[in-house]
Amino acid sequence: METWAQLLLKYGPIGLFLFFVYVIEKKARATLRDKEIPRRISVATYAVAWVAILGLAGATLYWWFRVNLDEHVILCGTFENLQAQETVTSRREDLYFRRVYDKPETFDYRWCVIAGKPLDGQTVRFVFDRGLPNEKSATAHEFKIQPDHQNQELRIVYQRRADKVVFRAGGKEEELRPADELDARAPPPRLDLVPTAYAQGPPAQQSIDSALRRLEVNDPIIRQDARVQLGKMGRQALPGIDKALQDPAGSYRVRVGAISALNRMQGLNPDALSKPAYTAIVRAAGDRDPSLAIEAFRFFSKYSVAGSASLPASGGGSPEIRVLNTLKPDEGDFRFLFTVAPPAGSGVDLRLNEVLCFQDGSAAATSWLFTVFLNEREAFRLPARSYTDAQRPTRYRMTASDRARATVEVPPGKGYQVRVIGYKPKNVVP
């Protein structure tokens, strides 16, 4: 019996089936020959033994077929012309990648979707990271599976000179343009995104530190998950985010990730940030990298006041920009009236004529600072001034002392984007 116990432990259902065939059936058959046992009992025992044997046989066969012969739908292709620092990732659980090293200077990915149901009409979404030190390095792309893809060679090719990702199938080619923000279609948060509560009461500092470290890893999906995690932690994560923003040696990825996490928080009071951290976000709004500048602009749109307007490359015009708090307009609502002079050479002349105050943000007059950007470069900053909405609107015409004018170099043929952010003097370093 010790040998049978080992067989059952090792082989599971198959071992149990053999045990019934060679041990239980033998004993049940012996009861048929034992004249001392009533015929009715011996026949019933033998019948029960064979019902069990047949049941185990059916279950064993079913699971064997499920494990070995279950039908899977497989769709495969290649992602070509990549270099050492470039990677491809995906949230899709049934999408698998394998690097193929058969070229001297580039490599390819062999990818396969392995599913247990038809794939027609499904969308395959992946993230291509170029390995560059900016947020535009990683872009999300997707394509839809067609019925005839099963019998075609599917190739995704990165065209390096044009910086385009193209999809080739059945002799046709289409550009896979960057999709929405990487985490726009993220699945529900994983279990490790839930802050752990410790007996001593304080927040899970280890979890916060881990998320801050993951803001600068190479995998863009992991960076997005870290931002989501910090955003969900809310005020618990503020000390770590504040410290990261103040760090002059902090990486670009940490800065954009920290501001993105702030933008995801619910009920955040921006006054909780230190002056150096808040000032770092003001500077980020004028950063040359558009991703960092846009994330900072979102911060002021949500927690302070901000507004923007676009002009065509031909230049000229008098844009009026509404600068307000997108969540609570009663905490600040202004109109900025500009004049944009036609370009002279490679520069454009931007002038602020007046500011109209509809809501100053408090019951009395409120002190505001405003910074104006042209194509993500700081054009000028208005001196701190006390604004009031007493006349609804109250007009503030610019004078020479306001220095509300600048000439900014703009590449030929490029349109103009004017942005304004507003913030309280008490929040920033003088």
Protein backbone atom coordinates (compact mmCIF):
# COMPACT_ATOMS: atom_id res chain seq x y z
CA MET A 1 0.00 0.00 0.00
CA GLU A 2 2.94 2.34 0.56
CA THR A 3 3.83 2.00 -3.16
CA TRP A 4 0.26 2.86 -4.16
CA ALA A 5 0.29 5.91 -1.90
CA GLN A 6 3.42 7.18 -3.67
CA LEU A 7 1.84 6.56 -7.09
CA LEU A 8 -1.30 8.49 -6.12
CA LEU A 9 0.79 11.40 -4.85
CA LYS A 10 2.87 11.49 -8.03
CA TYR A 11 0.30 10.81 -10.76
CA GLY A 12 -2.91 12.18 -9.25
CA PRO A 13 -6.12 11.20 -11.17
CA ILE A 14 -4.30 8.71 -13.42
CA GLY A 15 -2.81 7.01 -10.38
CA LEU A 16 -6.24 6.93 -8.75
CA PHE A 17 -7.70 5.33 -11.89
CA LEU A 18 -5.04 2.60 -11.88
CA PHE A 19 -5.57 2.06 -8.16
CA PHE A 20 -9.28 1.38 -8.74
CA VAL A 21 -8.57 -0.94 -11.72
CA TYR A 22 -5.89 -3.07 -10.08
CA VAL A 23 -6.84 -2.92 -6.38
CA ILE A 24 -10.47 -1.93 -5.82
CA GLU A 25 -11.86 -3.90 -8.79
CA LYS A 26 -9.91 -6.99 -7.71
CA LYS A 27 -11.33 -6.80 -4.21
CA ALA A 28 -14.87 -6.15 -5.52
CA ARG A 29 -14.61 -9.16 -7.84
CA ALA A 30 -13.52 -11.30 -4.89
CA THR A 31 -16.78 -10.47 -3.14
CA LEU A 32 -18.68 -12.09 -6.04
CA ARG A 33 -16.91 -15.40 -5.33
CA ASP A 34 -17.40 -15.26 -1.59
CA LYS A 35 -20.47 -17.37 -0.89
CA GLU A 36 -20.68 -16.06 2.66
CA ILE A 37 -21.51 -12.55 1.39
CA PRO A 38 -25.12 -12.11 0.24
CA ARG A 39 -25.41 -11.99 -3.53
CA ARG A 40 -27.28 -8.68 -3.46
CA ILE A 41 -24.43 -6.95 -1.56
CA SER A 42 -21.59 -8.42 -3.62
CA VAL A 43 -23.21 -7.47 -6.95
CA ALA A 44 -23.89 -3.93 -5.73
CA THR A 45 -20.28 -3.58 -4.53
CA TYR A 46 -18.93 -4.76 -7.87
CA ALA A 47 -21.25 -2.40 -9.76
CA VAL A 48 -20.21 0.60 -7.66
CA ALA A 49 -16.54 -0.23 -8.28
CA TRP A 50 -17.06 -0.22 -12.06
CA VAL A 51 -19.10 2.99 -11.96
CA ALA A 52 -16.19 4.63 -10.15
CA ILE A 53 -13.68 3.19 -12.64
CA LEU A 54 -15.67 4.43 -15.65
CA GLY A 55 -16.15 7.83 -14.05
CA LEU A 56 -12.44 8.20 -13.37
CA ALA A 57 -11.67 7.05 -16.93
CA GLY A 58 -13.96 9.72 -18.37
CA ALA A 59 -12.57 12.49 -16.14
CA THR A 60 -8.98 11.48 -16.90
CA LEU A 61 -9.59 11.49 -20.65
CA TYR A 62 -11.39 14.86 -20.47
CA TRP A 63 -8.57 16.63 -18.67
CA TRP A 64 -5.91 14.99 -20.85
CA PHE A 65 -7.64 16.36 -23.95
CA ARG A 66 -8.06 19.76 -22.30
CA VAL A 67 -4.34 19.98 -21.45
CA ASN A 68 -2.89 18.49 -24.63
CA LEU A 69 -5.38 18.89 -27.46
CA ASP A 70 -7.43 21.98 -26.56
CA GLU A 71 -7.77 24.25 -29.58
CA HIS A 72 -5.94 27.56 -29.38
CA VAL A 73 -6.04 30.47 -31.81
CA ILE A 74 -2.53 31.65 -32.64
CA LEU A 75 -1.64 34.84 -34.51
CA CYS A 76 2.03 35.66 -35.03
CA GLY A 77 4.14 38.34 -36.68
CA THR A 78 7.33 40.38 -36.37
CA PHE A 79 8.36 43.83 -35.10
CA GLU A 80 11.39 44.80 -37.16
CA ASN A 81 14.31 47.23 -37.34
CA LEU A 82 14.94 47.88 -33.63
CA GLN A 83 18.18 48.79 -31.91
CA ALA A 84 19.70 47.91 -28.55
CA GLN A 85 17.94 50.47 -26.34
CA GLU A 86 14.47 50.03 -27.88
CA THR A 87 11.82 47.80 -26.33
CA VAL A 88 8.25 46.68 -26.96
CA THR A 89 5.83 45.87 -24.12
CA SER A 90 2.11 45.29 -23.69
CA ARG A 91 -0.53 44.89 -20.99
CA ARG A 92 -2.24 42.16 -23.01
CA GLU A 93 -1.85 38.88 -21.14
CA ASP A 94 -2.01 36.64 -24.23
CA LEU A 95 0.58 38.60 -26.24
CA TYR A 96 4.12 37.18 -26.11
CA PHE A 97 7.41 38.68 -27.38
CA ARG A 98 10.78 37.06 -28.17
CA ARG A 99 13.85 38.86 -29.43
CA VAL A 100 15.44 37.53 -32.62
CA TYR A 101 19.15 38.34 -32.97
CA ASP A 102 19.97 37.60 -36.62
CA LYS A 103 21.22 41.02 -37.82
CA PRO A 104 24.49 42.79 -36.98
CA GLU A 105 23.14 46.26 -36.07
CA THR A 106 19.42 45.75 -35.44
CA PHE A 107 17.15 43.08 -34.02
CA ASP A 108 13.54 42.02 -34.40
CA TYR A 109 10.80 40.86 -32.07
CA ARG A 110 8.80 37.75 -32.87
CA TRP A 111 5.36 38.23 -31.34
CA CYS A 112 2.40 35.87 -30.96
CA VAL A 113 -1.13 36.21 -29.62
CA ILE A 114 -2.26 32.85 -28.19
CA ALA A 115 -5.93 32.77 -27.22
CA GLY A 116 -8.65 30.22 -26.58
CA LYS A 117 -11.28 32.04 -28.64
CA PRO A 118 -11.47 33.70 -32.08
CA LEU A 119 -9.43 36.88 -32.41
CA ASP A 120 -11.29 38.53 -35.31
CA GLY A 121 -12.13 42.14 -34.51
CA GLN A 122 -9.93 42.31 -31.40
CA THR A 123 -7.45 45.15 -30.95
CA VAL A 124 -3.78 44.44 -30.28
CA ARG A 125 -2.25 47.32 -28.33
CA PHE A 126 1.45 47.65 -27.49
CA VAL A 127 3.93 50.26 -26.26
CA PHE A 128 7.08 51.05 -28.24
CA ASP A 129 9.83 52.73 -26.19
CA ARG A 130 12.70 54.29 -28.13
CA GLY A 131 14.88 54.48 -25.02
CA LEU A 132 15.29 58.27 -25.20
CA PRO A 133 15.48 60.53 -22.10
CA ASN A 134 12.09 62.18 -22.60
CA GLU A 135 8.43 61.28 -22.24
CA LYS A 136 7.77 61.22 -25.99
CA SER A 137 10.18 58.28 -26.16
CA ALA A 138 7.34 55.84 -25.42
CA THR A 139 4.25 55.75 -27.63
CA ALA A 140 1.26 53.41 -27.65
CA HIS A 141 0.10 51.88 -30.94
CA GLU A 142 -2.64 49.44 -31.91
CA PHE A 143 -4.10 47.53 -34.84
CA LYS A 144 -7.30 45.55 -35.33
CA ILE A 145 -7.16 41.83 -36.22
CA GLN A 146 -8.90 41.01 -39.50
CA PRO A 147 -10.22 37.54 -40.55
CA ASP A 148 -7.58 37.18 -43.29
CA HIS A 149 -4.65 37.96 -40.96
CA GLN A 150 -4.39 34.26 -40.01
CA ASN A 151 -3.06 33.42 -43.49
CA GLN A 152 -0.85 36.48 -44.01
CA GLU A 153 2.63 37.57 -43.02
CA LEU A 154 2.17 40.30 -40.39
CA ARG A 155 5.03 42.77 -40.07
CA ILE A 156 5.35 45.83 -37.85
CA VAL A 157 8.29 47.95 -38.97
CA TYR A 158 9.88 50.96 -37.29
CA GLN A 159 10.94 53.47 -39.95
CA ARG A 160 13.72 55.22 -38.12
CA ARG A 161 14.29 58.25 -40.33
CA ALA A 162 10.61 59.19 -40.42
CA ASP A 163 10.08 58.04 -36.79
CA LYS A 164 7.00 56.09 -37.84
CA VAL A 165 5.61 52.66 -36.95
CA VAL A 166 3.93 50.94 -39.90
CA PHE A 167 1.88 47.73 -40.14
CA ARG A 168 2.19 45.55 -43.24
CA ALA A 169 -0.21 42.72 -44.10
CA GLY A 170 -1.38 41.23 -47.40
CA GLY A 171 0.66 43.64 -49.49
CA LYS A 172 -0.89 46.69 -47.78
CA GLU A 173 0.79 49.16 -45.46
CA GLU A 174 -0.68 51.56 -42.91
CA GLU A 175 0.90 53.86 -40.36
CA LEU A 176 0.14 53.01 -36.74
CA ARG A 177 -0.15 56.50 -35.32
CA PRO A 178 0.46 57.02 -31.58
CA ALA A 179 -2.68 56.15 -29.63
CA ASP A 180 -3.99 57.92 -26.53
CA GLU A 181 -2.05 58.40 -23.32
CA LEU A 182 -0.38 55.16 -22.25
CA ASP A 183 -2.56 54.57 -19.22
CA ALA A 184 -5.83 55.75 -20.79
CA ARG A 185 -7.02 52.17 -21.14
CA ALA A 186 -5.21 50.69 -18.19
CA PRO A 187 -6.87 47.72 -16.49
CA PRO A 188 -8.12 47.96 -12.90
CA PRO A 189 -5.28 48.52 -10.42
CA ARG A 190 -3.37 45.42 -9.35
CA LEU A 191 -3.43 44.29 -5.76
CA ASP A 192 0.01 45.76 -5.13
CA LEU A 193 -1.35 49.22 -5.88
CA VAL A 194 -3.42 49.23 -2.70
CA PRO A 195 -1.53 50.86 0.17
CA THR A 196 -0.73 48.44 2.97
CA ALA A 197 -1.93 49.39 6.46
CA TYR A 198 0.53 48.65 9.25
CA ALA A 199 -0.30 48.18 12.91
CA GLN A 200 1.56 51.31 13.95
CA GLY A 201 -0.74 53.51 11.86
CA PRO A 202 1.49 55.57 9.45
CA PRO A 203 1.18 55.15 5.64
CA ALA A 204 3.12 52.45 3.81
CA GLN A 205 6.33 54.40 3.38
CA GLN A 206 8.04 51.46 1.72
CA SER A 207 5.29 51.33 -0.90
CA ILE A 208 5.63 55.08 -1.56
CA ASP A 209 9.42 54.85 -1.87
CA SER A 210 9.06 51.92 -4.24
CA ALA A 211 6.60 53.84 -6.44
CA LEU A 212 8.94 56.85 -6.56
CA ARG A 213 11.82 54.61 -7.66
CA ARG A 214 9.66 53.06 -10.36
CA LEU A 215 9.04 56.50 -11.85
CA GLU A 216 12.41 56.29 -13.61
CA VAL A 217 12.59 52.67 -14.79
CA ASN A 218 12.88 51.99 -18.51
CA ASP A 219 9.52 50.23 -18.91
CA PRO A 220 6.90 52.94 -19.71
CA ILE A 221 4.00 50.80 -18.46
CA ILE A 222 5.67 50.38 -15.07
CA ARG A 223 6.21 54.15 -14.91
CA GLN A 224 2.54 54.76 -15.64
CA ASP A 225 1.49 52.26 -12.96
CA ALA A 226 3.72 54.06 -10.45
CA ARG A 227 2.05 57.39 -11.25
CA VAL A 228 -1.39 55.85 -10.80
CA GLN A 229 -0.33 54.32 -7.49
CA LEU A 230 1.02 57.61 -6.11
CA GLY A 231 -2.11 59.42 -7.29
CA LYS A 232 -4.35 56.95 -5.46
CA MET A 233 -2.29 57.33 -2.26
CA GLY A 234 -3.22 61.02 -2.20
CA ARG A 235 -1.88 63.11 0.65
CA GLN A 236 0.07 60.16 2.05
CA ALA A 237 2.44 60.42 -0.92
CA LEU A 238 2.86 64.22 -0.76
CA PRO A 239 6.06 64.31 1.36
CA GLY A 240 7.85 61.98 -1.07
CA ILE A 241 6.58 63.83 -4.15
CA ASP A 242 7.48 67.19 -2.61
CA LYS A 243 11.02 66.00 -1.91
CA ALA A 244 11.39 64.59 -5.43
CA LEU A 245 10.33 67.89 -7.02
CA GLN A 246 12.79 69.86 -4.88
CA ASP A 247 15.75 67.65 -5.78
CA PRO A 248 17.92 69.63 -8.27
CA ALA A 249 19.56 66.38 -9.38
CA GLY A 250 16.22 64.64 -9.93
CA SER A 251 15.73 63.01 -13.31
CA TYR A 252 13.30 64.18 -15.95
CA ARG A 253 11.20 61.03 -15.52
CA VAL A 254 10.78 61.61 -11.80
CA ARG A 255 9.67 65.22 -12.32
CA VAL A 256 7.07 64.45 -14.97
CA GLY A 257 5.90 61.41 -12.98
CA ALA A 258 5.58 63.38 -9.74
CA ILE A 259 3.51 66.15 -11.38
CA SER A 260 1.38 63.54 -13.16
CA ALA A 261 0.68 61.87 -9.80
CA LEU A 262 -0.40 65.22 -8.32
CA ASN A 263 -2.80 65.70 -11.24
CA ARG A 264 -4.39 62.33 -10.47
CA MET A 265 -5.07 63.11 -6.82
CA GLN A 266 -8.56 63.89 -5.56
CA GLY A 267 -9.14 66.78 -3.19
CA LEU A 268 -5.52 67.95 -3.17
CA ASN A 269 -4.86 71.33 -1.58
CA PRO A 270 -1.91 72.82 -3.52
CA ASP A 271 -1.00 74.90 -0.47
CA ALA A 272 0.23 71.63 1.06
CA LEU A 273 3.22 71.71 -1.31
CA SER A 274 6.37 73.48 -0.17
CA LYS A 275 7.40 76.67 -1.95
CA PRO A 276 10.45 75.05 -3.63
CA ALA A 277 8.29 72.19 -4.97
CA TYR A 278 5.59 74.57 -6.24
CA THR A 279 8.26 76.75 -7.88
CA ALA A 280 9.66 73.65 -9.60
CA ILE A 281 6.24 73.07 -11.20
CA VAL A 282 6.17 76.70 -12.40
CA ARG A 283 9.55 76.16 -14.07
CA ALA A 284 8.36 72.87 -15.58
CA ALA A 285 5.54 74.71 -17.37
CA GLY A 286 8.22 76.37 -19.50
CA ASP A 287 10.37 73.29 -20.06
CA ARG A 288 11.49 72.58 -23.62
CA ASP A 289 10.13 69.06 -23.38
CA PRO A 290 6.44 69.27 -24.35
CA SER A 291 5.35 66.35 -22.15
CA LEU A 292 6.72 67.94 -18.97
CA ALA A 293 5.33 71.36 -19.93
CA ILE A 294 1.86 69.96 -20.66
CA GLU A 295 1.77 68.02 -17.38
CA ALA A 296 2.68 71.20 -15.45
CA PHE A 297 0.06 73.17 -17.40
CA ARG A 298 -2.56 70.57 -16.36
CA PHE A 299 -1.56 71.10 -12.75
CA PHE A 300 -2.31 74.84 -12.93
CA SER A 301 -5.52 74.24 -14.89
CA LYS A 302 -6.75 71.96 -12.11
CA TYR A 303 -5.39 73.52 -8.93
CA SER A 304 -4.83 77.18 -9.83
CA VAL A 305 -5.66 79.02 -13.09
CA ALA A 306 -4.42 78.49 -16.65
CA GLY A 307 -5.48 78.95 -20.27
CA SER A 308 -4.15 78.66 -23.82
CA ALA A 309 -4.82 79.59 -27.45
CA SER A 310 -3.38 78.45 -30.79
CA LEU A 311 -2.61 80.57 -33.84
CA PRO A 312 -1.71 79.48 -37.39
CA ALA A 313 1.83 79.70 -38.74
CA SER A 314 0.94 82.80 -40.79
CA GLY A 315 1.14 84.86 -37.60
CA GLY A 316 -0.79 87.96 -36.63
CA GLY A 317 -4.03 88.16 -34.69
CA SER A 318 -5.46 89.22 -31.38
CA PRO A 319 -6.12 86.10 -29.32
CA GLU A 320 -8.24 86.30 -26.20
CA ILE A 321 -7.36 83.66 -23.64
CA ARG A 322 -9.63 82.66 -20.79
CA VAL A 323 -7.50 81.80 -17.78
CA LEU A 324 -9.41 79.97 -15.06
CA ASN A 325 -9.55 77.10 -12.59
CA THR A 326 -11.16 74.25 -14.56
CA LEU A 327 -12.57 72.62 -11.41
CA LYS A 328 -13.69 75.75 -9.56
CA PRO A 329 -14.03 78.80 -11.86
CA ASP A 330 -15.14 80.91 -8.91
CA GLU A 331 -11.60 80.57 -7.53
CA GLY A 332 -10.17 82.49 -10.48
CA ASP A 333 -11.50 83.62 -13.87
CA PHE A 334 -9.56 86.06 -16.07
CA ARG A 335 -9.40 87.15 -19.74
CA PHE A 336 -6.04 87.99 -21.32
CA LEU A 337 -6.08 90.10 -24.50
CA PHE A 338 -2.95 89.75 -26.64
CA THR A 339 -1.59 91.08 -29.90
CA VAL A 340 0.65 88.83 -31.97
CA ALA A 341 2.66 90.73 -34.57
CA PRO A 342 3.49 89.03 -37.90
CA PRO A 343 6.83 87.26 -37.73
CA ALA A 344 9.93 89.30 -38.46
CA GLY A 345 12.59 86.86 -39.63
CA SER A 346 12.40 83.86 -37.32
CA GLY A 347 10.87 85.76 -34.39
CA VAL A 348 7.35 86.75 -33.38
CA ASP A 349 6.33 89.75 -31.27
CA LEU A 350 3.88 88.93 -28.46
CA ARG A 351 2.24 91.73 -26.48
CA LEU A 352 -0.30 91.61 -23.64
CA ASN A 353 -2.65 94.58 -23.85
CA GLU A 354 -4.97 94.10 -20.87
CA VAL A 355 -6.30 91.66 -18.29
CA LEU A 356 -10.00 91.41 -17.41
CA CYS A 357 -10.81 90.03 -13.96
CA PHE A 358 -14.22 88.33 -13.64
CA GLN A 359 -13.43 86.37 -10.45
CA ASP A 360 -10.38 87.15 -8.33
CA GLY A 361 -10.77 84.00 -6.21
CA SER A 362 -11.69 85.47 -2.82
CA ALA A 363 -14.15 87.79 -1.12
CA ALA A 364 -11.61 90.61 -1.13
CA ALA A 365 -8.86 91.51 -3.60
CA THR A 366 -6.42 88.69 -4.37
CA SER A 367 -2.73 88.83 -5.21
CA TRP A 368 -1.74 86.90 -8.37
CA LEU A 369 1.37 86.20 -10.43
CA PHE A 370 1.03 85.31 -14.13
CA THR A 371 3.59 83.75 -16.47
CA VAL A 372 3.08 83.81 -20.24
CA PHE A 373 4.58 81.16 -22.53
CA LEU A 374 4.91 81.12 -26.30
CA ASN A 375 5.47 77.66 -27.83
CA GLU A 376 6.42 76.26 -24.40
CA ARG A 377 9.08 78.93 -23.81
CA GLU A 378 8.61 81.60 -21.17
CA ALA A 379 7.92 84.94 -22.86
CA PHE A 380 7.42 87.17 -19.81
CA ARG A 381 6.14 87.20 -16.25
CA LEU A 382 3.80 89.85 -14.86
CA PRO A 383 4.73 91.40 -11.52
CA ALA A 384 2.62 90.40 -8.53
CA ARG A 385 -0.51 92.52 -8.35
CA SER A 386 -3.70 92.64 -6.34
CA TYR A 387 -6.70 91.89 -8.57
CA THR A 388 -10.36 92.52 -7.74
CA ASP A 389 -13.57 91.55 -9.49
CA ALA A 390 -15.52 94.52 -8.11
CA GLN A 391 -16.58 95.78 -11.57
CA ARG A 392 -17.21 92.33 -13.15
CA PRO A 393 -15.02 92.61 -15.09
CA THR A 394 -12.34 94.89 -13.74
CA ARG A 395 -9.92 95.99 -16.49
CA TYR A 396 -6.15 96.15 -15.98
CA ARG A 397 -4.36 97.77 -18.90
CA MET A 398 -0.68 96.97 -19.23
CA THR A 399 1.90 99.72 -18.97
CA ALA A 400 5.60 99.85 -19.73
CA SER A 401 6.40 98.94 -16.12
CA ASP A 402 4.59 95.62 -16.55
CA ARG A 403 7.04 94.57 -19.31
CA ALA A 404 4.24 92.56 -20.88
CA ARG A 405 5.93 92.14 -24.23
CA ALA A 406 8.50 89.77 -25.73
CA THR A 407 9.99 88.65 -29.02
CA VAL A 408 10.40 84.88 -29.21
CA GLU A 409 12.28 82.87 -31.83
CA VAL A 410 9.91 80.49 -33.62
CA PRO A 411 10.91 77.97 -36.31
CA PRO A 412 9.56 78.91 -39.77
CA GLY A 413 6.23 77.34 -40.68
CA LYS A 414 5.35 76.44 -37.11
CA GLY A 415 2.14 77.67 -35.51
CA TYR A 416 1.97 79.60 -32.26
CA GLN A 417 0.73 78.30 -28.93
CA VAL A 418 0.20 80.94 -26.22
CA ARG A 419 -0.23 79.70 -22.65
CA VAL A 420 -0.81 81.54 -19.39
CA ILE A 421 -0.56 80.15 -15.86
CA GLY A 422 -1.52 81.97 -12.67
CA TYR A 423 -0.48 81.30 -9.08
CA LYS A 424 -0.37 83.02 -5.72
CA PRO A 425 2.88 84.74 -4.59
CA LYS A 426 2.58 82.95 -1.24
CA ASN A 427 3.09 79.56 -2.96
CA VAL A 428 6.44 80.24 -4.66
CA VAL A 429 9.97 81.17 -3.72
CA PRO A 430 10.43 84.97 -4.22
